[in-house]
Amino acid sequence: MRCLIYIPCLFLLLDCNQTEKHKQKSKLKIAVNANYRKYLWYPVLQINAEDSSYYDSIQKLIISKYDSLRNGKITVSIFSLLTTDFERKIDLQKDTTIYFDTTLYSSFKNTKNIKEFRTLTSNNLDTIYIGQKVVGCFGSSIEKIKIYKQVSKYNVVYCDYRSENQNLVISDSLFSKVYLMFLNESQKLFPDKVGGLTFEHMSTTRIDTYIRQGNNILEFPDVYNWGGYYNFKKGIGIMTKE
């Protein structure tokens, strides 16, 4: 008789343990405003986790969904091309949805006039961001260069989502020379005439390059075999993989 009572109790205990283990994991959804998705990368968690993404056409959000994350403290970050990266820290204890406020980009003005970026003077304290996003069938990447001045030198921070940041200090004269060369090379992509043409290449890979200075953002045409951005990186001493 005791054995008959013991066996059901054992099954009840095992069932409770399975329920407790189930409660140790939760679902996480990460929502980002789709209007600014072109300036952002996919959410990154400090733990390895598989996710899926979909577009919410009603709320105009890109949703990244993680179905089975272990409960506890989690840091979620999103690489941002032309601003400081977005980051949230949460204590996951139940199914949760978090929204990243990326409306900072709404305060910026899109321009097609590269001449607005030639106002680099010794008194210019604006932070400059130059970013590039590559999306294609054979690989994707995102990187940015943050540039700001301190006294008579420029601090340069190169950020690649795949590796550690590179921090450089460059003289005023060298940076001004390389930066103006970059703008001159870029000017060829923006004809002065209204009827001028630029030829974008037909490829399975799209390369989007942007520059932000102050509140102005300029998007470069995706022109085949244009080496201006690469030459700029090389000119200021950024080491990249060939």
C-alpha atoms as a PDB file:
ATOM      1  CA  MET A   1       0.000   0.000   0.000  1.00  0.00           C
ATOM      2  CA  ARG A   2       2.817   2.383   0.820  1.00  0.00           C
ATOM      3  CA  CYS A   3       4.369   1.712  -2.609  1.00  0.00           C
ATOM      4  CA  LEU A   4       1.091   2.584  -4.332  1.00  0.00           C
ATOM      5  CA  ILE A   5       0.954   5.931  -2.517  1.00  0.00           C
ATOM      6  CA  TYR A   6       4.635   6.655  -3.144  1.00  0.00           C
ATOM      7  CA  ILE A   7       4.491   6.198  -6.922  1.00  0.00           C
ATOM      8  CA  PRO A   8       1.799   8.881  -7.584  1.00  0.00           C
ATOM      9  CA  CYS A   9       3.675  11.288  -5.290  1.00  0.00           C
ATOM     10  CA  LEU A  10       6.842  10.670  -7.291  1.00  0.00           C
ATOM     11  CA  PHE A  11       5.099  11.537 -10.566  1.00  0.00           C
ATOM     12  CA  LEU A  12       3.666  14.673  -8.950  1.00  0.00           C
ATOM     13  CA  LEU A  13       7.162  15.729  -7.829  1.00  0.00           C
ATOM     14  CA  LEU A  14       8.610  15.158 -11.305  1.00  0.00           C
ATOM     15  CA  ASP A  15       5.795  17.169 -12.857  1.00  0.00           C
ATOM     16  CA  CYS A  16       6.456  20.080 -10.479  1.00  0.00           C
ATOM     17  CA  ASN A  17      10.158  20.010 -11.356  1.00  0.00           C
ATOM     18  CA  GLN A  18       9.354  20.119 -15.083  1.00  0.00           C
ATOM     19  CA  THR A  19       6.983  23.055 -14.501  1.00  0.00           C
ATOM     20  CA  GLU A  20       9.643  24.902 -12.512  1.00  0.00           C
ATOM     21  CA  LYS A  21      12.213  24.369 -15.270  1.00  0.00           C
ATOM     22  CA  HIS A  22       9.712  25.676 -17.818  1.00  0.00           C
ATOM     23  CA  LYS A  23       9.224  28.838 -15.758  1.00  0.00           C
ATOM     24  CA  GLN A  24      12.966  29.504 -15.854  1.00  0.00           C
ATOM     25  CA  LYS A  25      12.702  30.564 -19.532  1.00  0.00           C
ATOM     26  CA  SER A  26      10.728  33.368 -21.140  1.00  0.00           C
ATOM     27  CA  LYS A  27      10.042  34.942 -24.521  1.00  0.00           C
ATOM     28  CA  LEU A  28      11.530  38.311 -25.446  1.00  0.00           C
ATOM     29  CA  LYS A  29      10.410  40.641 -28.237  1.00  0.00           C
ATOM     30  CA  ILE A  30      12.503  43.651 -29.284  1.00  0.00           C
ATOM     31  CA  ALA A  31      10.682  46.365 -31.242  1.00  0.00           C
ATOM     32  CA  VAL A  32      12.376  49.059 -33.341  1.00  0.00           C
ATOM     33  CA  ASN A  33      10.810  51.871 -35.365  1.00  0.00           C
ATOM     34  CA  ALA A  34      10.937  50.713 -38.992  1.00  0.00           C
ATOM     35  CA  ASN A  35      11.323  54.295 -40.260  1.00  0.00           C
ATOM     36  CA  TYR A  36      14.932  54.367 -39.035  1.00  0.00           C
ATOM     37  CA  ARG A  37      15.835  50.724 -39.673  1.00  0.00           C
ATOM     38  CA  LYS A  38      18.306  51.633 -42.424  1.00  0.00           C
ATOM     39  CA  TYR A  39      20.542  53.298 -39.831  1.00  0.00           C
ATOM     40  CA  LEU A  40      20.490  50.336 -37.443  1.00  0.00           C
ATOM     41  CA  TRP A  41      21.687  46.744 -37.146  1.00  0.00           C
ATOM     42  CA  TYR A  42      19.992  43.709 -35.659  1.00  0.00           C
ATOM     43  CA  PRO A  43      19.630  43.492 -31.860  1.00  0.00           C
ATOM     44  CA  VAL A  44      22.550  41.813 -30.099  1.00  0.00           C
ATOM     45  CA  LEU A  45      22.321  39.992 -26.776  1.00  0.00           C
ATOM     46  CA  GLN A  46      25.347  39.185 -24.648  1.00  0.00           C
ATOM     47  CA  ILE A  47      24.232  35.547 -24.781  1.00  0.00           C
ATOM     48  CA  ASN A  48      23.894  33.300 -27.814  1.00  0.00           C
ATOM     49  CA  ALA A  49      20.263  33.004 -28.804  1.00  0.00           C
ATOM     50  CA  GLU A  50      18.344  32.203 -31.961  1.00  0.00           C
ATOM     51  CA  ASP A  51      15.773  34.741 -33.100  1.00  0.00           C
ATOM     52  CA  SER A  52      13.335  35.480 -35.894  1.00  0.00           C
ATOM     53  CA  SER A  53      12.211  38.845 -37.255  1.00  0.00           C
ATOM     54  CA  TYR A  54       9.017  40.164 -38.791  1.00  0.00           C
ATOM     55  CA  TYR A  55       7.454  43.483 -39.761  1.00  0.00           C
ATOM     56  CA  ASP A  56       4.423  44.834 -37.914  1.00  0.00           C
ATOM     57  CA  SER A  57       2.736  46.873 -40.663  1.00  0.00           C
ATOM     58  CA  ILE A  58       0.137  48.377 -38.314  1.00  0.00           C
ATOM     59  CA  GLN A  59       2.574  49.875 -35.810  1.00  0.00           C
ATOM     60  CA  LYS A  60       5.430  50.123 -38.358  1.00  0.00           C
ATOM     61  CA  LEU A  61       7.832  48.192 -36.172  1.00  0.00           C
ATOM     62  CA  ILE A  62      10.533  45.637 -36.857  1.00  0.00           C
ATOM     63  CA  ILE A  63      10.127  42.893 -34.246  1.00  0.00           C
ATOM     64  CA  SER A  64      12.926  40.510 -33.266  1.00  0.00           C
ATOM     65  CA  LYS A  65      11.570  37.536 -31.342  1.00  0.00           C
ATOM     66  CA  TYR A  66      13.447  35.208 -28.972  1.00  0.00           C
ATOM     67  CA  ASP A  67      11.295  32.236 -27.960  1.00  0.00           C
ATOM     68  CA  SER A  68      13.309  30.626 -25.182  1.00  0.00           C
ATOM     69  CA  LEU A  69      15.678  32.766 -23.121  1.00  0.00           C
ATOM     70  CA  ARG A  70      16.836  31.805 -19.659  1.00  0.00           C
ATOM     71  CA  ASN A  71      15.456  34.213 -17.076  1.00  0.00           C
ATOM     72  CA  GLY A  72      17.858  36.708 -15.539  1.00  0.00           C
ATOM     73  CA  LYS A  73      19.709  39.902 -16.361  1.00  0.00           C
ATOM     74  CA  ILE A  74      20.202  40.554 -20.075  1.00  0.00           C
ATOM     75  CA  THR A  75      21.853  43.418 -21.960  1.00  0.00           C
ATOM     76  CA  VAL A  76      20.379  44.222 -25.368  1.00  0.00           C
ATOM     77  CA  SER A  77      22.243  46.548 -27.744  1.00  0.00           C
ATOM     78  CA  ILE A  78      21.575  47.850 -31.243  1.00  0.00           C
ATOM     79  CA  PHE A  79      24.389  49.190 -33.420  1.00  0.00           C
ATOM     80  CA  SER A  80      23.547  52.677 -34.715  1.00  0.00           C
ATOM     81  CA  LEU A  81      25.334  54.072 -37.771  1.00  0.00           C
ATOM     82  CA  LEU A  82      25.202  57.778 -37.002  1.00  0.00           C
ATOM     83  CA  THR A  83      24.714  58.021 -33.232  1.00  0.00           C
ATOM     84  CA  THR A  84      25.851  56.334 -30.047  1.00  0.00           C
ATOM     85  CA  ASP A  85      24.621  52.725 -29.975  1.00  0.00           C
ATOM     86  CA  PHE A  86      21.303  52.036 -28.254  1.00  0.00           C
ATOM     87  CA  GLU A  87      21.379  49.791 -25.177  1.00  0.00           C
ATOM     88  CA  ARG A  88      18.893  48.429 -22.638  1.00  0.00           C
ATOM     89  CA  LYS A  89      19.451  46.288 -19.544  1.00  0.00           C
ATOM     90  CA  ILE A  90      16.552  44.163 -18.346  1.00  0.00           C
ATOM     91  CA  ASP A  91      15.845  41.536 -15.728  1.00  0.00           C
ATOM     92  CA  LEU A  92      13.882  38.939 -17.674  1.00  0.00           C
ATOM     93  CA  GLN A  93      11.393  37.077 -15.467  1.00  0.00           C
ATOM     94  CA  LYS A  94       8.398  36.670 -17.801  1.00  0.00           C
ATOM     95  CA  ASP A  95       7.428  37.092 -21.456  1.00  0.00           C
ATOM     96  CA  THR A  96       8.467  40.662 -22.256  1.00  0.00           C
ATOM     97  CA  THR A  97       8.409  43.189 -25.103  1.00  0.00           C
ATOM     98  CA  ILE A  98      10.841  46.128 -25.064  1.00  0.00           C
ATOM     99  CA  TYR A  99      10.735  49.152 -27.346  1.00  0.00           C
ATOM    100  CA  PHE A 100      13.854  51.011 -28.427  1.00  0.00           C
ATOM    101  CA  ASP A 101      13.320  54.748 -28.766  1.00  0.00           C
ATOM    102  CA  THR A 102      15.210  55.596 -31.958  1.00  0.00           C
ATOM    103  CA  THR A 103      13.292  58.810 -32.658  1.00  0.00           C
ATOM    104  CA  LEU A 104      16.559  60.708 -32.183  1.00  0.00           C
ATOM    105  CA  TYR A 105      16.941  60.284 -35.930  1.00  0.00           C
ATOM    106  CA  SER A 106      13.754  62.296 -36.505  1.00  0.00           C
ATOM    107  CA  SER A 107      15.592  65.429 -35.309  1.00  0.00           C
ATOM    108  CA  PHE A 108      18.126  65.154 -38.140  1.00  0.00           C
ATOM    109  CA  LYS A 109      17.718  66.711 -41.574  1.00  0.00           C
ATOM    110  CA  ASN A 110      18.397  64.771 -44.767  1.00  0.00           C
ATOM    111  CA  THR A 111      20.268  66.773 -47.369  1.00  0.00           C
ATOM    112  CA  LYS A 112      21.647  66.149 -50.846  1.00  0.00           C
ATOM    113  CA  ASN A 113      24.162  68.999 -50.754  1.00  0.00           C
ATOM    114  CA  ILE A 114      27.631  67.790 -49.810  1.00  0.00           C
ATOM    115  CA  LYS A 115      28.860  71.391 -49.659  1.00  0.00           C
ATOM    116  CA  GLU A 116      27.120  71.703 -46.280  1.00  0.00           C
ATOM    117  CA  PHE A 117      29.821  69.421 -44.853  1.00  0.00           C
ATOM    118  CA  ARG A 118      32.748  71.628 -45.855  1.00  0.00           C
ATOM    119  CA  THR A 119      32.450  73.922 -42.820  1.00  0.00           C
ATOM    120  CA  LEU A 120      35.282  72.174 -40.986  1.00  0.00           C
ATOM    121  CA  THR A 121      37.177  74.869 -39.075  1.00  0.00           C
ATOM    122  CA  SER A 122      39.386  75.010 -36.014  1.00  0.00           C
ATOM    123  CA  ASN A 123      36.320  76.082 -34.016  1.00  0.00           C
ATOM    124  CA  ASN A 124      34.036  73.315 -35.263  1.00  0.00           C
ATOM    125  CA  LEU A 125      33.052  71.186 -32.285  1.00  0.00           C
ATOM    126  CA  ASP A 126      30.429  69.082 -34.059  1.00  0.00           C
ATOM    127  CA  THR A 127      30.877  65.355 -33.877  1.00  0.00           C
ATOM    128  CA  ILE A 128      31.138  63.779 -37.322  1.00  0.00           C
ATOM    129  CA  TYR A 129      29.826  60.285 -38.030  1.00  0.00           C
ATOM    130  CA  ILE A 130      30.602  58.391 -41.215  1.00  0.00           C
ATOM    131  CA  GLY A 131      28.933  55.002 -41.483  1.00  0.00           C
ATOM    132  CA  GLN A 132      28.567  52.199 -43.983  1.00  0.00           C
ATOM    133  CA  LYS A 133      26.099  49.309 -44.093  1.00  0.00           C
ATOM    134  CA  VAL A 134      26.530  46.366 -46.449  1.00  0.00           C
ATOM    135  CA  VAL A 135      23.702  43.904 -47.052  1.00  0.00           C
ATOM    136  CA  GLY A 136      23.969  41.063 -49.556  1.00  0.00           C
ATOM    137  CA  CYS A 137      23.525  37.384 -50.300  1.00  0.00           C
ATOM    138  CA  PHE A 138      27.175  36.628 -49.563  1.00  0.00           C
ATOM    139  CA  GLY A 139      27.544  38.550 -46.331  1.00  0.00           C
ATOM    140  CA  SER A 140      26.477  41.645 -44.426  1.00  0.00           C
ATOM    141  CA  SER A 141      28.276  44.108 -42.180  1.00  0.00           C
ATOM    142  CA  ILE A 142      27.978  47.491 -40.530  1.00  0.00           C
ATOM    143  CA  GLU A 143      30.601  49.965 -39.305  1.00  0.00           C
ATOM    144  CA  LYS A 144      31.018  53.599 -38.387  1.00  0.00           C
ATOM    145  CA  ILE A 145      33.662  56.213 -37.725  1.00  0.00           C
ATOM    146  CA  LYS A 146      33.072  58.730 -34.946  1.00  0.00           C
ATOM    147  CA  ILE A 147      35.218  61.876 -35.123  1.00  0.00           C
ATOM    148  CA  TYR A 148      35.397  64.686 -32.593  1.00  0.00           C
ATOM    149  CA  LYS A 149      37.927  67.408 -31.870  1.00  0.00           C
ATOM    150  CA  GLN A 150      39.856  68.100 -28.677  1.00  0.00           C
ATOM    151  CA  VAL A 151      42.156  71.140 -28.660  1.00  0.00           C
ATOM    152  CA  SER A 152      44.416  70.756 -31.750  1.00  0.00           C
ATOM    153  CA  LYS A 153      43.806  67.059 -32.409  1.00  0.00           C
ATOM    154  CA  TYR A 154      41.012  64.839 -33.621  1.00  0.00           C
ATOM    155  CA  ASN A 155      39.883  61.728 -31.816  1.00  0.00           C
ATOM    156  CA  VAL A 156      38.720  58.969 -34.121  1.00  0.00           C
ATOM    157  CA  VAL A 157      36.782  55.891 -32.983  1.00  0.00           C
ATOM    158  CA  TYR A 158      36.258  53.140 -35.531  1.00  0.00           C
ATOM    159  CA  CYS A 159      33.440  50.745 -34.613  1.00  0.00           C
ATOM    160  CA  ASP A 160      32.795  47.420 -36.310  1.00  0.00           C
ATOM    161  CA  TYR A 161      30.087  45.198 -34.833  1.00  0.00           C
ATOM    162  CA  ARG A 162      32.337  42.151 -35.342  1.00  0.00           C
ATOM    163  CA  SER A 163      35.439  43.339 -33.483  1.00  0.00           C
ATOM    164  CA  GLU A 164      36.798  45.688 -30.825  1.00  0.00           C
ATOM    165  CA  ASN A 165      36.857  49.436 -31.431  1.00  0.00           C
ATOM    166  CA  GLN A 166      39.942  51.195 -32.749  1.00  0.00           C
ATOM    167  CA  ASN A 167      40.810  54.500 -31.075  1.00  0.00           C
ATOM    168  CA  LEU A 168      43.096  56.929 -32.884  1.00  0.00           C
ATOM    169  CA  VAL A 169      44.394  60.445 -32.284  1.00  0.00           C
ATOM    170  CA  ILE A 170      45.163  62.477 -35.424  1.00  0.00           C
ATOM    171  CA  SER A 171      46.670  65.917 -35.885  1.00  0.00           C
ATOM    172  CA  ASP A 172      44.439  68.745 -37.038  1.00  0.00           C
ATOM    173  CA  SER A 173      46.402  69.213 -40.255  1.00  0.00           C
ATOM    174  CA  LEU A 174      46.359  65.534 -41.258  1.00  0.00           C
ATOM    175  CA  PHE A 175      42.676  65.042 -40.571  1.00  0.00           C
ATOM    176  CA  SER A 176      41.678  68.258 -42.367  1.00  0.00           C
ATOM    177  CA  LYS A 177      43.704  67.182 -45.407  1.00  0.00           C
ATOM    178  CA  VAL A 178      42.280  63.649 -45.599  1.00  0.00           C
ATOM    179  CA  TYR A 179      38.719  64.778 -44.822  1.00  0.00           C
ATOM    180  CA  LEU A 180      38.719  67.422 -47.545  1.00  0.00           C
ATOM    181  CA  MET A 181      40.138  64.880 -50.002  1.00  0.00           C
ATOM    182  CA  PHE A 182      37.267  62.586 -49.069  1.00  0.00           C
ATOM    183  CA  LEU A 183      34.704  65.347 -49.668  1.00  0.00           C
ATOM    184  CA  ASN A 184      36.288  66.244 -53.007  1.00  0.00           C
ATOM    185  CA  GLU A 185      36.132  62.601 -54.079  1.00  0.00           C
ATOM    186  CA  SER A 186      32.540  62.385 -52.842  1.00  0.00           C
ATOM    187  CA  GLN A 187      31.547  65.523 -54.757  1.00  0.00           C
ATOM    188  CA  LYS A 188      31.806  63.519 -57.993  1.00  0.00           C
ATOM    189  CA  LEU A 189      28.799  61.499 -56.866  1.00  0.00           C
ATOM    190  CA  PHE A 190      26.655  64.630 -56.552  1.00  0.00           C
ATOM    191  CA  PRO A 191      26.535  66.574 -59.868  1.00  0.00           C
ATOM    192  CA  ASP A 192      25.834  70.308 -59.617  1.00  0.00           C
ATOM    193  CA  LYS A 193      23.363  70.149 -62.486  1.00  0.00           C
ATOM    194  CA  VAL A 194      19.829  69.136 -61.707  1.00  0.00           C
ATOM    195  CA  GLY A 195      19.813  66.830 -64.720  1.00  0.00           C
ATOM    196  CA  GLY A 196      23.120  65.209 -63.857  1.00  0.00           C
ATOM    197  CA  LEU A 197      23.283  61.442 -63.585  1.00  0.00           C
ATOM    198  CA  THR A 198      24.968  59.008 -61.233  1.00  0.00           C
ATOM    199  CA  PHE A 199      25.087  55.344 -62.106  1.00  0.00           C
ATOM    200  CA  GLU A 200      24.163  52.879 -59.400  1.00  0.00           C
ATOM    201  CA  HIS A 201      25.401  49.350 -59.970  1.00  0.00           C
ATOM    202  CA  MET A 202      23.217  46.288 -60.408  1.00  0.00           C
ATOM    203  CA  SER A 203      24.276  43.815 -57.740  1.00  0.00           C
ATOM    204  CA  THR A 204      22.936  41.421 -55.129  1.00  0.00           C
ATOM    205  CA  THR A 205      24.911  43.444 -52.572  1.00  0.00           C
ATOM    206  CA  ARG A 206      23.789  46.891 -51.469  1.00  0.00           C
ATOM    207  CA  ILE A 207      26.271  49.341 -49.952  1.00  0.00           C
ATOM    208  CA  ASP A 208      24.799  52.317 -48.097  1.00  0.00           C
ATOM    209  CA  THR A 209      27.196  55.029 -46.950  1.00  0.00           C
ATOM    210  CA  TYR A 210      26.188  58.034 -44.828  1.00  0.00           C
ATOM    211  CA  ILE A 211      27.765  61.045 -43.193  1.00  0.00           C
ATOM    212  CA  ARG A 212      26.328  63.116 -40.349  1.00  0.00           C
ATOM    213  CA  GLN A 213      27.700  66.409 -39.135  1.00  0.00           C
ATOM    214  CA  GLY A 214      25.588  68.255 -36.601  1.00  0.00           C
ATOM    215  CA  ASN A 215      21.949  67.698 -37.600  1.00  0.00           C
ATOM    216  CA  ASN A 216      22.630  67.089 -41.301  1.00  0.00           C
ATOM    217  CA  ILE A 217      22.667  63.600 -42.838  1.00  0.00           C
ATOM    218  CA  LEU A 218      23.851  62.884 -46.365  1.00  0.00           C
ATOM    219  CA  GLU A 219      23.301  59.527 -48.075  1.00  0.00           C
ATOM    220  CA  PHE A 220      25.795  58.561 -50.772  1.00  0.00           C
ATOM    221  CA  PRO A 221      24.684  56.850 -53.993  1.00  0.00           C
ATOM    222  CA  ASP A 222      25.595  53.175 -54.193  1.00  0.00           C
ATOM    223  CA  VAL A 223      28.067  53.603 -57.057  1.00  0.00           C
ATOM    224  CA  TYR A 224      30.019  50.615 -58.331  1.00  0.00           C
ATOM    225  CA  ASN A 225      33.725  50.487 -57.478  1.00  0.00           C
ATOM    226  CA  TRP A 226      33.817  53.867 -55.693  1.00  0.00           C
ATOM    227  CA  GLY A 227      36.801  53.829 -53.358  1.00  0.00           C
ATOM    228  CA  GLY A 228      36.372  57.148 -51.566  1.00  0.00           C
ATOM    229  CA  TYR A 229      35.266  55.713 -48.229  1.00  0.00           C
ATOM    230  CA  TYR A 230      37.996  53.057 -48.201  1.00  0.00           C
ATOM    231  CA  ASN A 231      40.654  55.650 -49.068  1.00  0.00           C
ATOM    232  CA  PHE A 232      39.448  57.885 -46.243  1.00  0.00           C
ATOM    233  CA  LYS A 233      39.757  55.059 -43.698  1.00  0.00           C
ATOM    234  CA  LYS A 234      43.224  54.230 -44.960  1.00  0.00           C
ATOM    235  CA  GLY A 235      44.278  57.894 -44.932  1.00  0.00           C
ATOM    236  CA  ILE A 236      43.480  58.381 -41.228  1.00  0.00           C
ATOM    237  CA  GLY A 237      45.118  55.095 -40.211  1.00  0.00           C
ATOM    238  CA  ILE A 238      42.206  52.722 -39.670  1.00  0.00           C
ATOM    239  CA  MET A 239      43.304  49.105 -39.999  1.00  0.00           C
ATOM    240  CA  THR A 240      40.740  46.857 -41.705  1.00  0.00           C
ATOM    241  CA  LYS A 241      40.736  43.365 -43.106  1.00  0.00           C
ATOM    242  CA  GLU A 242      41.255  43.196 -46.843  1.00  0.00           C
END
